[in-house]
Each structure stands twice: as C-alpha cells, then as structure tokens.
Amino acid sequence: ELRKESEKIAKELQEFNSDGVQIPQNQAEAKKVLDALVKENDDLQRQTDVLRLELDKENAKVQEDEAEVADLQAEAADLELQLAKIEEEEKKSAREEVELRKKLDAEQKNAVAIAQD
C-alpha cells in the first residue's frame, strides 16, 4: 500500500516537475529554492508596482486630456451660438438696409417730382 502511494506521489511530482526544475532533495536545498522564489516574487511585485504607477500616470493624463476636450467642446458650442447670433444680426441689418434704401429712393423720387413741378 505504501509502495503504491509512494509511486503515485513520485508520478505526480514528475508531472508537476515536467518543466525541468530540480526538486530539492533536502531542507537546505528547499530553503534555497524558496528564497529564490520569494526574491523573484518580490522583484515581480516591484515591477508590478512600477507598471501600476505608470498606468495611473497615463490614466491621469487621459483624464486631463478628456477634460480639456470637454472644455474645448463647450467653448466651440459657445462660439457657434455667438456666430448664429451675429449671422441673425447681419440678416436683420440687411433687411433694415433694404428698407432704408427703399425709403431713400422714394424720397429721392418725391424730391425730383417736386423739383420738376
């Protein structure tokens, strides 16, 4: 029974260790492997932290850019509104000019008619 269990564990270890990593044979080797894994984990954590900071900076930059875009869109909408008002005033001025020219023409015709009498 113990032999079957031992063979089963050995087989599982071989499957688990299929990438060629040496399985420690004693506690000292196991400690070295564990220390190396802890160091690698710490290094990866530092790299992750650095990348997270870079990502946070990029996200902050994107948010600033989005805020600037929103401000520019609001400014553009305001300018479009001002332009529409100016165009409306121009149309009104043009209509008033046409009316004044008609009155001037009528008065000139009236003055010519009076002068001819």
N, C-alpha and C. Protein backbone atom coordinates (compact mmCIF):
# COMPACT_ATOMS: atom_id res chain seq x y z
N GLU A 1 0.82 -1.19 0.00
CA GLU A 1 0.00 0.00 0.00
C GLU A 1 0.87 1.26 0.00
N LEU A 2 1.90 1.25 0.87
CA LEU A 2 2.81 2.39 0.91
C LEU A 2 3.57 2.55 -0.39
N ARG A 3 3.92 1.41 -1.00
CA ARG A 3 4.64 1.47 -2.27
C ARG A 3 3.77 2.11 -3.34
N LYS A 4 2.50 1.75 -3.41
CA LYS A 4 1.59 2.33 -4.39
C LYS A 4 1.45 3.84 -4.16
N GLU A 5 1.31 4.22 -2.91
CA GLU A 5 1.19 5.65 -2.57
C GLU A 5 2.46 6.40 -2.93
N SER A 6 3.61 5.79 -2.64
CA SER A 6 4.90 6.40 -2.95
C SER A 6 5.07 6.55 -4.46
N GLU A 7 4.69 5.52 -5.23
CA GLU A 7 4.77 5.59 -6.69
C GLU A 7 3.83 6.67 -7.23
N LYS A 8 2.65 6.76 -6.65
CA LYS A 8 1.67 7.77 -7.06
C LYS A 8 2.23 9.18 -6.83
N ILE A 9 2.84 9.40 -5.66
CA ILE A 9 3.43 10.70 -5.35
C ILE A 9 4.59 10.99 -6.28
N ALA A 10 5.42 9.99 -6.55
CA ALA A 10 6.56 10.17 -7.46
C ALA A 10 6.07 10.54 -8.86
N LYS A 11 5.01 9.88 -9.31
CA LYS A 11 4.44 10.18 -10.62
C LYS A 11 3.89 11.60 -10.67
N GLU A 12 3.19 12.00 -9.60
CA GLU A 12 2.65 13.35 -9.53
C GLU A 12 3.77 14.38 -9.55
N LEU A 13 4.85 14.10 -8.83
CA LEU A 13 5.99 15.01 -8.82
C LEU A 13 6.61 15.12 -10.20
N GLN A 14 6.71 14.00 -10.92
CA GLN A 14 7.26 14.05 -12.27
C GLN A 14 6.38 14.89 -13.18
N GLU A 15 5.07 14.71 -13.07
CA GLU A 15 4.14 15.50 -13.88
C GLU A 15 4.24 16.98 -13.51
N PHE A 16 4.30 17.25 -12.20
CA PHE A 16 4.39 18.63 -11.72
C PHE A 16 5.71 19.25 -12.15
N ASN A 17 6.74 18.44 -12.21
CA ASN A 17 8.08 18.92 -12.50
C ASN A 17 8.44 18.69 -13.96
N SER A 18 7.49 18.73 -14.86
CA SER A 18 7.75 18.44 -16.26
C SER A 18 8.54 19.55 -16.95
N ASP A 19 8.68 20.72 -16.32
CA ASP A 19 9.44 21.80 -16.95
C ASP A 19 10.93 21.75 -16.63
N GLY A 20 11.40 20.70 -15.97
CA GLY A 20 12.82 20.50 -15.75
C GLY A 20 13.38 21.12 -14.49
N VAL A 21 12.54 21.63 -13.62
CA VAL A 21 13.02 22.21 -12.37
C VAL A 21 13.42 21.08 -11.44
N GLN A 22 14.61 21.26 -10.81
CA GLN A 22 15.06 20.21 -9.89
C GLN A 22 14.29 20.28 -8.59
N ILE A 23 13.84 19.14 -8.16
CA ILE A 23 13.13 19.06 -6.88
C ILE A 23 14.18 18.98 -5.78
N PRO A 24 14.07 19.86 -4.78
CA PRO A 24 15.06 19.85 -3.70
C PRO A 24 15.09 18.49 -2.99
N GLN A 25 16.31 18.08 -2.65
CA GLN A 25 16.47 16.78 -2.01
C GLN A 25 16.51 16.88 -0.48
N ASN A 26 16.76 18.10 0.02
CA ASN A 26 16.81 18.24 1.48
C ASN A 26 16.30 19.63 1.87
N GLN A 27 16.28 19.87 3.15
CA GLN A 27 15.71 21.11 3.66
C GLN A 27 16.53 22.33 3.23
N ALA A 28 17.84 22.21 3.17
CA ALA A 28 18.69 23.33 2.77
C ALA A 28 18.42 23.72 1.32
N GLU A 29 18.33 22.71 0.45
CA GLU A 29 18.01 23.00 -0.95
C GLU A 29 16.62 23.60 -1.07
N ALA A 30 15.68 23.08 -0.31
CA ALA A 30 14.31 23.59 -0.35
C ALA A 30 14.30 25.04 0.10
N LYS A 31 15.10 25.38 1.11
CA LYS A 31 15.17 26.76 1.60
C LYS A 31 15.74 27.67 0.52
N LYS A 32 16.78 27.21 -0.20
CA LYS A 32 17.36 28.00 -1.28
C LYS A 32 16.32 28.26 -2.37
N VAL A 33 15.60 27.20 -2.73
CA VAL A 33 14.58 27.34 -3.77
C VAL A 33 13.49 28.31 -3.31
N LEU A 34 13.07 28.15 -2.07
CA LEU A 34 12.04 29.03 -1.52
C LEU A 34 12.53 30.48 -1.49
N ASP A 35 13.76 30.71 -1.05
CA ASP A 35 14.32 32.06 -1.02
C ASP A 35 14.37 32.66 -2.42
N ALA A 36 14.78 31.85 -3.40
CA ALA A 36 14.84 32.32 -4.78
C ALA A 36 13.44 32.68 -5.28
N LEU A 37 12.46 31.86 -4.94
CA LEU A 37 11.08 32.14 -5.36
C LEU A 37 10.55 33.40 -4.68
N VAL A 38 10.88 33.58 -3.41
CA VAL A 38 10.45 34.79 -2.69
C VAL A 38 11.08 36.02 -3.33
N LYS A 39 12.39 35.93 -3.64
CA LYS A 39 13.07 37.06 -4.28
C LYS A 39 12.45 37.35 -5.64
N GLU A 40 12.20 36.32 -6.42
CA GLU A 40 11.57 36.51 -7.74
C GLU A 40 10.19 37.13 -7.58
N ASN A 41 9.45 36.68 -6.59
CA ASN A 41 8.12 37.24 -6.34
C ASN A 41 8.22 38.72 -5.95
N ASP A 42 9.20 39.04 -5.09
CA ASP A 42 9.40 40.44 -4.70
C ASP A 42 9.75 41.30 -5.91
N ASP A 43 10.64 40.78 -6.77
CA ASP A 43 11.02 41.51 -7.98
C ASP A 43 9.79 41.74 -8.88
N LEU A 44 9.01 40.71 -9.03
CA LEU A 44 7.79 40.82 -9.86
C LEU A 44 6.81 41.81 -9.24
N GLN A 45 6.73 41.82 -7.92
CA GLN A 45 5.83 42.75 -7.24
C GLN A 45 6.29 44.19 -7.46
N ARG A 46 7.63 44.41 -7.37
CA ARG A 46 8.17 45.75 -7.63
C ARG A 46 7.87 46.17 -9.07
N GLN A 47 8.09 45.26 -10.01
CA GLN A 47 7.80 45.57 -11.41
C GLN A 47 6.32 45.88 -11.59
N THR A 48 5.48 45.12 -10.93
CA THR A 48 4.03 45.36 -11.00
C THR A 48 3.70 46.73 -10.43
N ASP A 49 4.32 47.08 -9.31
CA ASP A 49 4.07 48.39 -8.71
C ASP A 49 4.49 49.52 -9.64
N VAL A 50 5.66 49.36 -10.27
CA VAL A 50 6.15 50.38 -11.21
C VAL A 50 5.17 50.51 -12.38
N LEU A 51 4.76 49.38 -12.92
CA LEU A 51 3.81 49.42 -14.04
C LEU A 51 2.48 50.01 -13.63
N ARG A 52 2.05 49.71 -12.40
CA ARG A 52 0.79 50.26 -11.91
C ARG A 52 0.90 51.79 -11.78
N LEU A 53 2.04 52.28 -11.29
CA LEU A 53 2.26 53.73 -11.20
C LEU A 53 2.24 54.37 -12.59
N GLU A 54 2.92 53.73 -13.54
CA GLU A 54 2.92 54.26 -14.91
C GLU A 54 1.51 54.28 -15.48
N LEU A 55 0.76 53.23 -15.21
CA LEU A 55 -0.62 53.18 -15.69
C LEU A 55 -1.46 54.27 -15.04
N ASP A 56 -1.28 54.48 -13.75
CA ASP A 56 -2.01 55.55 -13.06
C ASP A 56 -1.68 56.91 -13.65
N LYS A 57 -0.38 57.13 -13.96
CA LYS A 57 0.02 58.40 -14.57
C LYS A 57 -0.64 58.57 -15.94
N GLU A 58 -0.63 57.51 -16.72
CA GLU A 58 -1.25 57.57 -18.05
C GLU A 58 -2.76 57.82 -17.94
N ASN A 59 -3.39 57.16 -16.98
CA ASN A 59 -4.83 57.37 -16.78
C ASN A 59 -5.12 58.80 -16.36
N ALA A 60 -4.28 59.37 -15.50
CA ALA A 60 -4.46 60.76 -15.09
C ALA A 60 -4.30 61.69 -16.29
N LYS A 61 -3.32 61.39 -17.14
CA LYS A 61 -3.10 62.19 -18.34
C LYS A 61 -4.31 62.10 -19.28
N VAL A 62 -4.84 60.90 -19.42
CA VAL A 62 -6.02 60.71 -20.26
C VAL A 62 -7.20 61.51 -19.71
N GLN A 63 -7.38 61.47 -18.39
CA GLN A 63 -8.47 62.23 -17.78
C GLN A 63 -8.29 63.73 -17.99
N GLU A 64 -7.05 64.21 -17.88
CA GLU A 64 -6.79 65.63 -18.15
C GLU A 64 -7.12 65.96 -19.60
N ASP A 65 -6.70 65.08 -20.51
CA ASP A 65 -6.99 65.31 -21.93
C ASP A 65 -8.48 65.30 -22.20
N GLU A 66 -9.19 64.39 -21.56
CA GLU A 66 -10.64 64.33 -21.74
C GLU A 66 -11.31 65.59 -21.20
N ALA A 67 -10.81 66.10 -20.07
CA ALA A 67 -11.36 67.34 -19.51
C ALA A 67 -11.09 68.51 -20.45
N GLU A 68 -9.88 68.53 -21.02
CA GLU A 68 -9.55 69.60 -21.96
C GLU A 68 -10.43 69.52 -23.21
N VAL A 69 -10.67 68.31 -23.69
CA VAL A 69 -11.55 68.13 -24.85
C VAL A 69 -12.97 68.63 -24.52
N ALA A 70 -13.46 68.30 -23.33
CA ALA A 70 -14.79 68.75 -22.92
C ALA A 70 -14.85 70.28 -22.86
N ASP A 71 -13.78 70.90 -22.32
CA ASP A 71 -13.73 72.37 -22.27
C ASP A 71 -13.74 72.96 -23.67
N LEU A 72 -12.95 72.37 -24.56
CA LEU A 72 -12.90 72.87 -25.94
C LEU A 72 -14.23 72.68 -26.65
N GLN A 73 -14.91 71.57 -26.38
CA GLN A 73 -16.22 71.36 -26.99
C GLN A 73 -17.22 72.39 -26.48
N ALA A 74 -17.16 72.70 -25.19
CA ALA A 74 -18.06 73.72 -24.62
C ALA A 74 -17.76 75.08 -25.23
N GLU A 75 -16.47 75.38 -25.38
CA GLU A 75 -16.07 76.66 -25.99
C GLU A 75 -16.54 76.73 -27.45
N ALA A 76 -16.40 75.61 -28.17
CA ALA A 76 -16.84 75.57 -29.57
C ALA A 76 -18.35 75.77 -29.66
N ALA A 77 -19.09 75.16 -28.75
CA ALA A 77 -20.55 75.34 -28.76
C ALA A 77 -20.91 76.79 -28.48
N ASP A 78 -20.20 77.43 -27.56
CA ASP A 78 -20.44 78.84 -27.24
C ASP A 78 -20.14 79.72 -28.46
N LEU A 79 -19.03 79.43 -29.14
CA LEU A 79 -18.68 80.20 -30.33
C LEU A 79 -19.70 80.01 -31.45
N GLU A 80 -20.21 78.79 -31.58
CA GLU A 80 -21.24 78.54 -32.60
C GLU A 80 -22.51 79.34 -32.29
N LEU A 81 -22.85 79.42 -31.01
CA LEU A 81 -24.01 80.21 -30.59
C LEU A 81 -23.78 81.69 -30.89
N GLN A 82 -22.59 82.18 -30.58
CA GLN A 82 -22.27 83.58 -30.87
C GLN A 82 -22.33 83.85 -32.37
N LEU A 83 -21.80 82.91 -33.16
CA LEU A 83 -21.83 83.05 -34.61
C LEU A 83 -23.27 83.10 -35.12
N ALA A 84 -24.11 82.24 -34.59
CA ALA A 84 -25.53 82.24 -35.02
C ALA A 84 -26.18 83.58 -34.69
N LYS A 85 -25.87 84.14 -33.52
CA LYS A 85 -26.43 85.45 -33.15
C LYS A 85 -25.94 86.54 -34.11
N ILE A 86 -24.64 86.51 -34.42
CA ILE A 86 -24.07 87.51 -35.33
C ILE A 86 -24.70 87.38 -36.71
N GLU A 87 -24.87 86.15 -37.19
CA GLU A 87 -25.49 85.96 -38.51
C GLU A 87 -26.92 86.47 -38.51
N GLU A 88 -27.64 86.26 -37.41
CA GLU A 88 -29.01 86.76 -37.31
C GLU A 88 -29.02 88.29 -37.32
N GLU A 89 -28.08 88.90 -36.61
CA GLU A 89 -27.98 90.37 -36.61
C GLU A 89 -27.64 90.88 -38.00
N GLU A 90 -26.78 90.17 -38.72
CA GLU A 90 -26.43 90.58 -40.09
C GLU A 90 -27.66 90.53 -41.00
N LYS A 91 -28.46 89.49 -40.85
CA LYS A 91 -29.68 89.38 -41.65
C LYS A 91 -30.63 90.53 -41.33
N LYS A 92 -30.76 90.83 -40.04
CA LYS A 92 -31.64 91.93 -39.61
C LYS A 92 -31.13 93.25 -40.18
N SER A 93 -29.81 93.48 -40.09
CA SER A 93 -29.21 94.70 -40.63
C SER A 93 -29.43 94.80 -42.14
N ALA A 94 -29.30 93.69 -42.83
CA ALA A 94 -29.50 93.68 -44.28
C ALA A 94 -30.95 94.04 -44.61
N ARG A 95 -31.91 93.50 -43.84
CA ARG A 95 -33.33 93.84 -44.08
C ARG A 95 -33.57 95.33 -43.82
N GLU A 96 -32.99 95.84 -42.73
CA GLU A 96 -33.14 97.26 -42.41
C GLU A 96 -32.52 98.13 -43.50
N GLU A 97 -31.37 97.70 -44.04
CA GLU A 97 -30.72 98.45 -45.11
C GLU A 97 -31.60 98.50 -46.35
N VAL A 98 -32.21 97.36 -46.68
CA VAL A 98 -33.11 97.31 -47.84
C VAL A 98 -34.28 98.27 -47.63
N GLU A 99 -34.85 98.28 -46.44
CA GLU A 99 -35.97 99.18 -46.14
C GLU A 99 -35.54 100.65 -46.24
N LEU A 100 -34.37 100.96 -45.68
CA LEU A 100 -33.88 102.34 -45.74
C LEU A 100 -33.60 102.78 -47.17
N ARG A 101 -33.07 101.87 -47.98
CA ARG A 101 -32.81 102.21 -49.40
C ARG A 101 -34.13 102.48 -50.14
N LYS A 102 -35.15 101.68 -49.82
CA LYS A 102 -36.46 101.89 -50.44
C LYS A 102 -37.00 103.27 -50.06
N LYS A 103 -36.89 103.62 -48.76
CA LYS A 103 -37.38 104.93 -48.31
C LYS A 103 -36.58 106.05 -48.98
N LEU A 104 -35.24 105.88 -49.06
CA LEU A 104 -34.40 106.88 -49.69
C LEU A 104 -34.76 107.05 -51.16
N ASP A 105 -34.94 105.94 -51.85
CA ASP A 105 -35.34 106.01 -53.27
C ASP A 105 -36.67 106.74 -53.41
N ALA A 106 -37.63 106.40 -52.53
CA ALA A 106 -38.95 107.05 -52.59
C ALA A 106 -38.82 108.55 -52.33
N GLU A 107 -37.99 108.92 -51.36
CA GLU A 107 -37.82 110.34 -51.05
C GLU A 107 -37.11 111.06 -52.20
N GLN A 108 -36.13 110.38 -52.81
CA GLN A 108 -35.44 111.00 -53.95
C GLN A 108 -36.39 111.19 -55.12
N LYS A 109 -37.23 110.22 -55.37
CA LYS A 109 -38.22 110.33 -56.45
C LYS A 109 -39.19 111.45 -56.12
N ASN A 110 -39.59 111.54 -54.86
CA ASN A 110 -40.51 112.58 -54.44
C ASN A 110 -39.85 113.95 -54.59
N ALA A 111 -38.56 114.06 -54.23
CA ALA A 111 -37.85 115.32 -54.36
C ALA A 111 -37.70 115.70 -55.82
N VAL A 112 -37.42 114.74 -56.68
CA VAL A 112 -37.30 115.01 -58.13
C VAL A 112 -38.65 115.47 -58.68
N ALA A 113 -39.70 114.81 -58.22
CA ALA A 113 -41.04 115.19 -58.69
C ALA A 113 -41.39 116.59 -58.24
N ILE A 114 -41.05 116.95 -57.03
CA ILE A 114 -41.34 118.30 -56.51
C ILE A 114 -40.51 119.31 -57.27
N ALA A 115 -39.23 118.96 -57.54
CA ALA A 115 -38.36 119.90 -58.27
C ALA A 115 -38.83 120.10 -59.70
N GLN A 116 -39.43 119.10 -60.27
CA GLN A 116 -39.91 119.22 -61.65
C GLN A 116 -41.19 120.05 -61.72
N ASP A 117 -41.91 120.12 -60.65
CA ASP A 117 -43.15 120.91 -60.63
C ASP A 117 -42.78 122.32 -60.58
